[in-house]
Amino acid sequence: MTAPDGRAVARGRRQWPLPKQADPDAPLLVVKGLSTHFRLGRTPVHVPDLYDTAGPYRGVLVPGVAAWALGALAYYLAAPWGGTLPALATAIVSYRLLR
């Protein structure tokens, strides 16, 4: 069901009020500078560095993308029996082997 302007319209009424700052038309996810990182080491992560384009987390880590792809494949193949744990294990092990 869509509104005349193309937005999806939810069926039914909300059972509770929205918080004061909530914007019902705001997107649920905003992606800025898409990058994938599996950080399995014991060193702490300095969060502002994640958004620094010249920082230590810049660019794309090929082992991270490959581990993500292998995890997605494992999820797809194991979906009939429950794919979450096999996908997670595959991603972690493959990242450890590839880096």
Protein backbone atom coordinates (compact mmCIF):
# COMPACT_ATOMS: atom_id res chain seq x y z
CA MET A 1 0.00 0.00 0.00
CA THR A 2 1.53 3.34 -1.01
CA ALA A 3 0.59 6.96 -0.60
CA PRO A 4 0.08 9.19 -3.65
CA ASP A 5 3.64 10.52 -3.30
CA GLY A 6 5.11 6.98 -3.43
CA ARG A 7 5.87 6.47 0.27
CA ALA A 8 4.80 3.25 1.93
CA VAL A 9 1.84 3.58 4.26
CA ALA A 10 1.75 1.43 7.40
CA ARG A 11 -1.42 -0.45 8.10
CA GLY A 12 -3.11 -0.05 11.45
CA ARG A 13 -2.65 2.56 14.14
CA ARG A 14 0.32 3.00 16.41
CA GLN A 15 -0.44 1.78 19.92
CA TRP A 16 1.88 4.26 21.67
CA PRO A 17 2.99 7.84 20.96
CA LEU A 18 6.30 8.60 19.25
CA PRO A 19 9.06 10.17 21.37
CA LYS A 20 9.17 13.96 21.15
CA GLN A 21 12.24 14.06 18.87
CA ALA A 22 11.10 11.22 16.58
CA ASP A 23 10.57 12.01 12.94
CA PRO A 24 8.33 9.38 11.31
CA ASP A 25 9.69 10.30 7.85
CA ALA A 26 13.37 9.92 8.84
CA PRO A 27 15.31 7.02 7.29
CA LEU A 28 16.09 4.06 9.52
CA LEU A 29 19.65 3.74 8.26
CA VAL A 30 22.04 6.35 6.94
CA VAL A 31 25.32 5.14 5.46
CA LYS A 32 28.27 7.52 5.21
CA GLY A 33 31.55 6.33 3.76
CA LEU A 34 30.73 2.63 3.50
CA SER A 35 33.58 0.45 4.76
CA THR A 36 33.75 -2.98 6.32
CA HIS A 37 36.07 -3.81 9.20
CA PHE A 38 36.36 -6.93 11.29
CA ARG A 39 38.44 -5.96 14.31
CA LEU A 40 39.32 -9.07 16.25
CA GLY A 41 42.41 -7.81 18.04
CA ARG A 42 42.64 -6.79 21.66
CA THR A 43 43.51 -3.16 20.99
CA PRO A 44 40.80 -0.62 21.80
CA VAL A 45 39.16 1.25 18.95
CA HIS A 46 39.22 5.06 19.02
CA VAL A 47 35.74 5.74 17.60
CA PRO A 48 36.45 9.15 15.97
CA ASP A 49 39.14 7.40 13.89
CA LEU A 50 36.38 5.35 12.25
CA TYR A 51 35.09 8.52 10.58
CA ASP A 52 38.48 10.04 9.73
CA THR A 53 39.06 9.68 5.97
CA ALA A 54 42.84 9.77 6.51
CA GLY A 55 42.77 7.63 9.67
CA PRO A 56 43.94 4.09 10.31
CA TYR A 57 40.59 2.56 9.23
CA ARG A 58 40.42 4.21 5.81
CA GLY A 59 39.79 2.29 2.63
CA VAL A 60 38.47 -1.21 2.09
CA LEU A 61 40.06 -4.24 3.70
CA VAL A 62 40.03 -7.01 1.11
CA PRO A 63 40.17 -9.78 3.77
CA GLY A 64 37.16 -8.18 5.49
CA VAL A 65 35.10 -8.04 2.30
CA ALA A 66 36.12 -11.62 1.40
CA ALA A 67 35.17 -12.84 4.90
CA TRP A 68 31.83 -11.06 4.62
CA ALA A 69 31.17 -12.68 1.22
CA LEU A 70 32.11 -16.15 2.51
CA GLY A 71 29.88 -15.62 5.55
CA ALA A 72 27.00 -14.63 3.28
CA LEU A 73 27.56 -17.75 1.18
CA ALA A 74 27.64 -19.92 4.32
CA TYR A 75 24.40 -18.31 5.49
CA TYR A 76 22.74 -19.02 2.14
CA LEU A 77 23.91 -22.63 2.08
CA ALA A 78 23.02 -23.36 5.72
CA ALA A 79 19.71 -21.44 5.71
CA PRO A 80 17.49 -24.57 5.81
CA TRP A 81 19.07 -25.56 9.15
CA GLY A 82 19.75 -22.09 10.53
CA GLY A 83 22.43 -20.04 8.86
CA THR A 84 23.41 -17.46 11.47
CA LEU A 85 26.00 -19.40 13.46
CA PRO A 86 27.65 -21.06 10.43
CA ALA A 87 27.85 -17.69 8.71
CA LEU A 88 29.40 -16.03 11.75
CA ALA A 89 31.90 -18.84 12.26
CA THR A 90 32.82 -18.85 8.56
CA ALA A 91 33.34 -15.09 8.51
CA ILE A 92 35.52 -15.11 11.62
CA VAL A 93 37.66 -18.09 10.59
CA SER A 94 38.09 -16.89 7.00
CA TYR A 95 39.07 -13.39 8.17
CA ARG A 96 41.65 -14.85 10.53
CA LEU A 97 43.10 -16.98 7.69
CA LEU A 98 43.04 -14.21 5.07
CA ARG A 99 44.61 -11.35 6.98
